[in-house]
Amino acid sequence: MNSVAFVRSSIKTVGNQQFITWYGRHQFDPAAPFNNTIWIGRRTLGSPEWEIFRHPSFTANNIADGHDVISYGIDGDGYMHVSWGMHGDAFHYSKSTTPVTGTGPIVLGPDTIMTGMESTVTYPQFLKLPGGDLLFVFREVASGNGDTYVNRYTIATRKWANVHGSSTTRSPFIKGTGWTPNYNAYVNMPQLGGPDGDDLILTWCWRYEPVGGDSPAGQDGYQTNNNLNFARSPDAGLTWSRFNGTPYSLPVTRDLEISSANRAEIIVPIPEGSSLINQASMCLDSNGNPVTCTWWAPQGQTGNHRRQYQVVFRDDNGTPDTADDSWQTRTVSNRTSDPTGTRYAEDHVRDLGRPIVVSDDKDRIIVAYRDNQSTASLTNGVSNGLSIVHSLPKADDPHRLLWIQFDLTYDNLGNYEPIIDNELWDRDRQLHFLYQAAEGQGYVSPGNTASRFSVLEWDAKTYFSHWPQPSISLSADKTTVTISCPSQPSWGYRLWSSVNLSDWTPVETRAGTGQPLEFVQPANAGETRRFWRIELKEGGF
């Protein structure tokens, strides 16, 4: 549960300090103090030294339930707000007694109320507004029968309030309870954007009640997940609109339970039975439009239930005219481990981890995921490490037709899902992952088999600014020339040769490996001069 991708904020940078939260456990002693309680780490960015602050008693309602995650936000005054350990049961919330930025100890206050109206909460997520206030997005009730709320913490008053309520009342902005059939919304990584940074932008899927429920298609569990929907709030969650600006009436619903003004906008229709995972990832492109990455079986309705990672984005066709814009879906994996004829049930949702997705300054879409490529039974497989797949810069491939994949790590990650420091990415284009390799092979059950918890740093900005400096050497017997060039997996390299700097001949083309490439060529006897150059191209030749 320390590494589940729907935790928006288990790692966060404020100023020059980075914070992480997790449930800690002694590697060998099941009776050690602080086992299974909240641990908080703080460091100065770039430093390997961490300060660790452990709470003696704050733990999950069920430490073996992967839903019972820790989520936190840090408000504009530097106070940490933490909500943790819930799966439709007792609500937990605490605020630090002093600001956590700086050098003082991090001490959490009592487990207390937020507005006093929260109960049966799951999936807490904090977002900080530009002025320092916090938003708290969460679900109440249960899977397949739940409502989605947003609260706001105002630093001026240091109080929480439901955005759609009063001091004594509250209302959901997405409602799934009370209908026949009932359902709930599963939100994909909420994001803030817009000209002032306080637009709250969401995509989500719907789910009907779990096993034995009221699915219109007769499906169970995550196989009832359906449709990808969109809503945008220009005022931090108060009012909501569709993509074209048409306002919603609240609460938003799946169908016509109230009226067409409440009905959710579908941006990608995905039927039940498509093996669609809930609560995946979303980011914003340079136009402020959502880019969603999730997984489902794109050919599930024709009997091929093999699940693939999918990216959904708004294609502007490279023109300022919005009339021809459209939502597009691209398959960005080539998984082969799922048998095509098997529609997997709930116990196989962790075979492939939920992904994360970001978009950089050149509008590359970058996805990170962990996938179990294993046997057909999916019971004895070995977890792969963390994989990266990315598009080209939008200017080079506006329709996102070419995708490049490489392995960032090779550790056994068990059932790990990536969690990133969103704030650091937004500011510095650095990808920092909470990272926890597993013992042994494949999934390790949540017994006392604790493993090292760390932060994996990937300088994506430098990686995509790749401009290598080749070197050249002549063999001792002067019969061969070796041109060496640092390489990256995302690039192709072409060696050219000339004797006059005007007429160039292509000699050899190689794909990048992440290791130096060596082009070995004959040195022609009697030649007085020969020139070499290396052309590189992102995506290869």
Foldseek 3Di string as FASTA:
>chain_A
DQFAALQAAQWADDDQKIKGKDQDADQPDNPDFSHQFIKMWMDGPPDPDIDIDGDRDHHAPDSQDPQFAKHWDAFPQQKIKIWGRAQQAATFIWIWPHRPPDDDDTHTDDGDDALPPDGGWTRWYWDYAPVGKIKIWIWHDHAQAIFIFIWIQDPVVRHIDTLAADSPDHDGQAGFHDDVFGKYWFWANWAFDDPRRQKIKTKTWIAHAADPTRQPVPDHDPLRTWFIFIWIDPHNPNWIDHPVRHTADGNAYCDQPPHPSRHTHGQDTGHRRFQWDGHAHWEAFPVRWIKTKTKTNPCRVVQFGDIFIKIWTWQCVPDPDNPPIGIDMDGFDDADQEHGRDRDDDVCNLQWGGKYWYADPLRKIKIKTKHFRQHHVSPDTFTFAIKIKIFDRCVVPRPRPAIFIDHPDGARAASGTWHFHVNCCVPQVKTKTFGWGAPDGHHDRPDSNGTDTDIDIDNVVVVVVDDWDWDWDADPVRFKIKIKTAFDQQKKKWKWKDLPVPDIDTDDIDGGDRGIDIDIGTRDPPRPDMDMDMDMDGNGD
